[in-house]
Amino acid sequence: MRLPRLAVGLLAPLVVAGCASSGGSSASGTSSSSSSAASSSSSAAPSSSSPAGCTAKDATQPSGAATKPTLDVDGDGKPDTVWIATQPDADGGVPFGITTAAGGTFGTTIRSASPVARSVLVADVTGKGELIALASDNRQVLLYGISSCSFVPELNAQGQQYAFDLGFTGFGTGVGCVDANGDGTPDLVGLKYEPETNGAGTIKRTIVELDGPQARNGATDTVTVTRASEADEAQSVSCGDVTLAENGVSSGP
C-alpha cells in the first residue's frame, strides 16, 4: 500500500496484539483484541529461512480448498500455493496453509466467532524475505510469521496472538507495509483512518516491530490524506503491491 512516507508509526495505544478470536484492536495496525500495550522491542524480522524445496508435510490440503499462487516461501526459486478450506472443520475452525512446489504442505487453523468468510494473504514485509501471513475474519487480522515451513503465531506483550483491528473495536481500520520511518525499508504497520468533516481526514500509523515470534507496537505518527485512494487503502489489508482482496484466498464469497 502506498501511503505517504511520513513519520513512523501506528498507533501506540493500539494495543499490542489481539487475541486470536476476538476483535483485534489495532487501528494503527497492531492490536490486541482486548488489551493494548504499545511496547516496542528492537525489530528483527522473523526468520523466513526454510529449507530450500520444503517437502515436509504437517497438514493436508482439504478437498475443494480455494487456492492461489503465492510467494516462494521455501527458497527453491519456485512459487508456492496458498490455500484455505471452504468448509469449517469439525470444531468450527477454518484450516489454511501453503503447499510448496516441492510437495510439502503446512498449515494452521483460524478460529473465530465472526459470521463471515475467512481470508489469508502471504506477504514479504521488506521485500527481502521477511515472510508473514495475514489471516482475516473481517473483524481483525491475525499475524503469523512464516519460518522453516511453518506458521509461527506472533505474540504480543501479553502473550496473545497479535491482531490488527479492522474497525470492529475502534482501534484500527487496516494493515499495510510502507516505509514509515524513512530508513528506506518497508515497515509492517497498523492503520487507523480518521475522517474529518472539513476534509479527507488523517491516517494514524503504528509500526509493528517483529522479533522472532514476538510482535510489539513501535513508533506512531499521523499523516494527512492527500488523495482519495489513501483512505480506501487505510481501510483494507495489503502489503506493498499485494492485497488481501486481489492476492489472498478466501473461504467463501
Protein backbone atom coordinates (compact mmCIF):
# COMPACT_ATOMS: atom_id res chain seq x y z
CA MET A 1 0.00 0.00 0.00
CA ARG A 2 1.40 3.29 -0.91
CA LEU A 3 0.64 5.70 1.91
CA PRO A 4 2.67 8.87 2.24
CA ARG A 5 6.08 8.43 3.81
CA LEU A 6 5.97 10.49 6.92
CA ALA A 7 6.60 9.83 10.43
CA VAL A 8 6.65 6.43 11.61
CA GLY A 9 4.23 4.57 13.36
CA LEU A 10 0.83 3.44 14.03
CA LEU A 11 -0.87 3.85 17.00
CA ALA A 12 0.93 3.22 20.12
CA PRO A 13 -2.22 2.96 22.04
CA LEU A 14 -3.30 0.46 19.65
CA VAL A 15 -2.74 -2.27 21.80
CA VAL A 16 -0.18 -4.70 21.09
CA ALA A 17 -1.76 -7.65 19.58
CA GLY A 18 -5.06 -9.07 19.66
CA CYS A 19 -6.24 -12.37 20.73
CA ALA A 20 -6.83 -14.84 18.07
CA SER A 21 -10.53 -14.98 18.29
CA SER A 22 -11.75 -11.63 19.39
CA GLY A 23 -11.74 -8.39 17.53
CA GLY A 24 -8.24 -7.11 17.09
CA SER A 25 -7.62 -3.69 18.36
CA SER A 26 -5.26 -2.04 16.18
CA ALA A 27 -6.42 0.93 14.48
CA SER A 28 -2.99 1.58 13.56
CA GLY A 29 -2.38 -1.85 12.87
CA THR A 30 -1.39 -3.67 15.93
CA SER A 31 -3.79 -4.56 18.41
CA SER A 32 -4.80 -6.87 20.95
CA SER A 33 -8.36 -7.63 20.88
CA SER A 34 -8.67 -6.90 24.48
CA SER A 35 -5.52 -5.33 25.71
CA SER A 36 -3.34 -2.65 24.44
CA ALA A 37 0.25 -2.42 25.18
CA ALA A 38 2.31 -0.32 22.96
CA SER A 39 5.69 -1.51 23.95
CA SER A 40 8.31 -1.87 21.31
CA SER A 41 11.28 -4.10 21.10
CA SER A 42 14.01 -3.93 18.57
CA SER A 43 12.69 -5.45 15.48
CA ALA A 44 14.47 -8.34 13.99
CA ALA A 45 12.16 -9.84 11.48
CA PRO A 46 11.09 -13.40 11.98
CA SER A 47 13.40 -15.71 10.17
CA SER A 48 11.98 -16.75 6.86
CA SER A 49 14.71 -19.26 6.25
CA SER A 50 13.11 -22.50 5.27
CA PRO A 51 14.93 -25.47 3.80
CA ALA A 52 15.16 -24.93 0.05
CA GLY A 53 12.46 -27.03 -1.52
CA CYS A 54 10.46 -27.96 1.59
CA THR A 55 8.86 -31.40 1.31
CA ALA A 56 7.71 -31.76 4.92
CA LYS A 57 4.00 -32.37 5.43
CA ASP A 58 2.34 -31.46 8.71
CA ALA A 59 -1.02 -30.67 7.13
CA THR A 60 -3.27 -31.86 4.33
CA GLN A 61 -4.90 -29.54 1.84
CA PRO A 62 -8.66 -30.10 2.17
CA SER A 63 -10.66 -31.24 -0.82
CA GLY A 64 -12.23 -28.28 -2.58
CA ALA A 65 -9.94 -25.74 -0.93
CA ALA A 66 -9.60 -22.33 -2.56
CA THR A 67 -6.05 -21.88 -3.89
CA LYS A 68 -3.85 -19.19 -5.40
CA PRO A 69 -0.19 -18.96 -6.44
CA THR A 70 1.88 -17.15 -3.82
CA LEU A 71 5.47 -16.28 -2.94
CA ASP A 72 8.36 -18.74 -2.82
CA VAL A 73 8.30 -19.49 0.91
CA ASP A 74 10.89 -22.29 0.97
CA GLY A 75 13.70 -20.76 -1.02
CA ASP A 76 13.78 -23.09 -4.01
CA GLY A 77 13.07 -20.33 -6.50
CA LYS A 78 9.61 -21.62 -7.41
CA PRO A 79 6.27 -20.01 -6.48
CA ASP A 80 4.22 -21.92 -3.95
CA THR A 81 0.45 -22.19 -3.42
CA VAL A 82 -1.61 -20.74 -0.57
CA TRP A 83 -4.92 -22.43 0.21
CA ILE A 84 -7.88 -22.18 2.56
CA ALA A 85 -10.70 -24.60 3.29
CA THR A 86 -14.13 -23.60 2.01
CA GLN A 87 -15.85 -25.56 4.77
CA PRO A 88 -15.13 -25.40 8.53
CA ASP A 89 -13.63 -28.38 10.32
CA ALA A 90 -15.44 -30.41 12.99
CA ASP A 91 -14.64 -27.78 15.62
CA GLY A 92 -15.77 -24.85 13.51
CA GLY A 93 -12.28 -23.68 12.58
CA VAL A 94 -11.15 -22.88 9.04
CA PRO A 95 -7.83 -24.53 8.06
CA PHE A 96 -5.43 -22.71 5.76
CA GLY A 97 -1.91 -23.38 4.61
CA ILE A 98 0.74 -23.47 1.92
CA THR A 99 1.71 -26.28 -0.42
CA THR A 100 5.20 -25.86 -1.82
CA ALA A 101 6.30 -26.56 -5.38
CA ALA A 102 8.50 -29.30 -3.89
CA GLY A 103 5.43 -31.06 -2.46
CA GLY A 104 5.48 -30.02 1.19
CA THR A 105 2.31 -28.83 2.93
CA PHE A 106 1.99 -26.97 6.21
CA GLY A 107 -0.92 -25.16 7.77
CA THR A 108 -2.86 -23.94 10.76
CA THR A 109 -6.48 -23.02 11.59
CA ILE A 110 -8.38 -19.76 12.02
CA ARG A 111 -10.83 -19.93 14.91
CA SER A 112 -13.30 -17.09 15.19
CA ALA A 113 -16.92 -16.37 16.00
CA SER A 114 -17.22 -13.97 13.08
CA PRO A 115 -20.07 -14.98 10.73
CA VAL A 116 -18.26 -14.02 7.52
CA ALA A 117 -15.71 -15.79 5.32
CA ARG A 118 -12.06 -16.04 6.36
CA SER A 119 -9.23 -14.92 4.09
CA VAL A 120 -5.43 -15.16 4.08
CA LEU A 121 -2.65 -13.16 2.42
CA VAL A 122 1.02 -14.20 2.26
CA ALA A 123 3.42 -11.25 2.02
CA ASP A 124 7.06 -10.22 2.25
CA VAL A 125 7.20 -7.17 4.53
CA THR A 126 10.61 -5.86 3.49
CA GLY A 127 10.94 -7.44 0.06
CA LYS A 128 13.96 -9.29 1.39
CA GLY A 129 12.39 -12.46 2.72
CA GLU A 130 10.59 -11.31 5.90
CA LEU A 131 7.59 -13.50 5.22
CA ILE A 132 4.29 -13.21 7.06
CA ALA A 133 0.70 -14.42 6.75
CA LEU A 134 -2.24 -12.14 7.50
CA ALA A 135 -5.40 -14.11 8.35
CA SER A 136 -8.64 -12.12 8.44
CA ASP A 137 -12.16 -12.80 9.69
CA ASN A 138 -13.24 -9.32 8.54
CA ARG A 139 -13.12 -8.09 12.13
CA GLN A 140 -9.44 -8.50 12.86
CA VAL A 141 -6.31 -9.77 11.14
CA LEU A 142 -4.14 -12.34 12.91
CA LEU A 143 -0.40 -12.07 12.34
CA TYR A 144 1.83 -15.10 11.63
CA GLY A 145 5.49 -15.33 10.74
CA ILE A 146 6.45 -17.95 8.16
CA SER A 147 9.61 -19.84 9.05
CA SER A 148 11.03 -23.29 8.34
CA CYS A 149 7.86 -24.48 6.61
CA SER A 150 5.53 -23.49 9.41
CA PHE A 151 3.26 -20.67 10.53
CA VAL A 152 4.50 -19.03 13.72
CA PRO A 153 1.87 -17.04 15.66
CA GLU A 154 3.35 -13.64 16.51
CA LEU A 155 2.62 -12.86 20.15
CA ASN A 156 2.05 -9.50 21.81
CA ALA A 157 3.41 -8.43 25.18
CA GLN A 158 0.50 -10.16 26.94
CA GLY A 159 1.27 -13.48 25.28
CA GLN A 160 -1.77 -13.35 22.98
CA GLN A 161 -1.58 -13.60 19.23
CA TYR A 162 -1.04 -10.20 17.72
CA ALA A 163 -4.01 -8.91 15.74
CA PHE A 164 -4.84 -5.82 13.72
CA ASP A 165 -8.29 -4.29 14.10
CA LEU A 166 -10.47 -3.69 11.04
CA GLY A 167 -12.82 -1.21 12.69
CA PHE A 168 -14.66 -3.76 14.84
CA THR A 169 -13.27 -2.46 18.13
CA GLY A 170 -12.35 1.06 17.08
CA PHE A 171 -8.59 0.67 17.49
CA GLY A 172 -7.72 0.39 13.81
CA THR A 173 -9.04 0.11 10.28
CA GLY A 174 -6.38 -1.65 8.19
CA VAL A 175 -2.93 -3.10 7.63
CA GLY A 176 -0.15 -2.07 5.27
CA CYS A 177 3.57 -2.22 4.52
CA VAL A 178 5.19 1.17 3.98
CA ASP A 179 8.47 2.86 4.85
CA ALA A 180 7.06 4.75 7.80
CA ASN A 181 10.34 5.70 9.45
CA GLY A 182 12.18 6.82 6.34
CA ASP A 183 15.02 4.30 6.53
CA GLY A 184 14.43 3.01 3.02
CA THR A 185 12.92 -0.33 4.12
CA PRO A 186 9.17 -1.03 4.28
CA ASP A 187 7.64 -1.50 7.73
CA LEU A 188 4.62 -3.55 8.74
CA VAL A 189 2.10 -1.01 10.02
CA GLY A 190 -1.31 -0.90 11.58
CA LEU A 191 -3.55 1.84 10.20
CA LYS A 192 -6.40 3.92 11.57
CA TYR A 193 -8.29 6.22 9.23
CA GLU A 194 -9.95 9.21 10.86
CA PRO A 195 -12.33 11.09 8.53
CA GLU A 196 -12.77 14.81 9.03
CA THR A 197 -15.88 16.81 8.28
CA ASN A 198 -13.90 19.60 6.64
CA GLY A 199 -11.56 17.43 4.61
CA ALA A 200 -10.35 13.99 3.63
CA GLY A 201 -9.01 13.12 7.08
CA THR A 202 -5.87 11.59 8.57
CA ILE A 203 -4.27 8.19 8.93
CA LYS A 204 -2.58 7.12 12.13
CA ARG A 205 0.22 4.63 11.50
CA THR A 206 1.83 2.31 14.04
CA ILE A 207 4.92 0.33 13.17
CA VAL A 208 4.79 -3.31 14.24
CA GLU A 209 8.25 -4.50 15.20
CA LEU A 210 8.90 -8.21 14.71
CA ASP A 211 11.49 -10.11 16.69
CA GLY A 212 11.20 -13.84 16.11
CA PRO A 213 7.78 -14.90 17.45
CA GLN A 214 7.17 -11.54 19.15
CA ALA A 215 5.37 -8.50 17.77
CA ARG A 216 5.46 -5.15 19.52
CA ASN A 217 3.98 -1.75 18.75
CA GLY A 218 6.68 0.69 17.73
CA ALA A 219 6.66 4.35 16.73
CA THR A 220 3.42 6.05 15.80
CA ASP A 221 2.70 9.00 13.55
CA THR A 222 -0.22 10.64 11.78
CA VAL A 223 -0.29 11.65 8.12
CA THR A 224 -2.80 13.71 6.19
CA VAL A 225 -4.76 12.06 3.39
CA THR A 226 -3.73 13.67 0.12
CA ARG A 227 -5.65 11.52 -2.36
CA ALA A 228 -8.95 9.66 -2.14
CA SER A 229 -7.44 6.22 -2.63
CA GLU A 230 -5.36 6.57 0.55
CA ALA A 231 -8.47 6.49 2.70
CA ASP A 232 -9.53 3.25 0.99
CA GLU A 233 -6.07 1.75 1.43
CA ALA A 234 -6.10 2.60 5.13
CA GLN A 235 -9.32 0.60 5.46
CA SER A 236 -8.01 -2.52 3.76
CA VAL A 237 -5.34 -5.20 4.15
CA SER A 238 -2.28 -5.03 1.92
CA CYS A 239 1.50 -5.25 1.93
CA GLY A 240 3.43 -3.47 -0.78
CA ASP A 241 1.99 -4.49 -4.13
CA VAL A 242 -0.16 -7.36 -2.84
CA THR A 243 -3.63 -7.03 -1.36
CA LEU A 244 -5.89 -9.39 0.51
CA ALA A 245 -8.69 -8.71 -1.96
CA GLU A 246 -6.65 -9.46 -5.09
CA ASN A 247 -3.88 -11.81 -3.97
CA GLY A 248 -5.31 -13.58 -0.96
CA VAL A 249 -7.50 -16.68 -0.71
CA SER A 250 -10.98 -16.70 0.80
CA SER A 251 -13.09 -19.44 2.35
CA GLY A 252 -16.22 -18.06 0.75
CA PRO A 253 -17.74 -15.40 -1.48
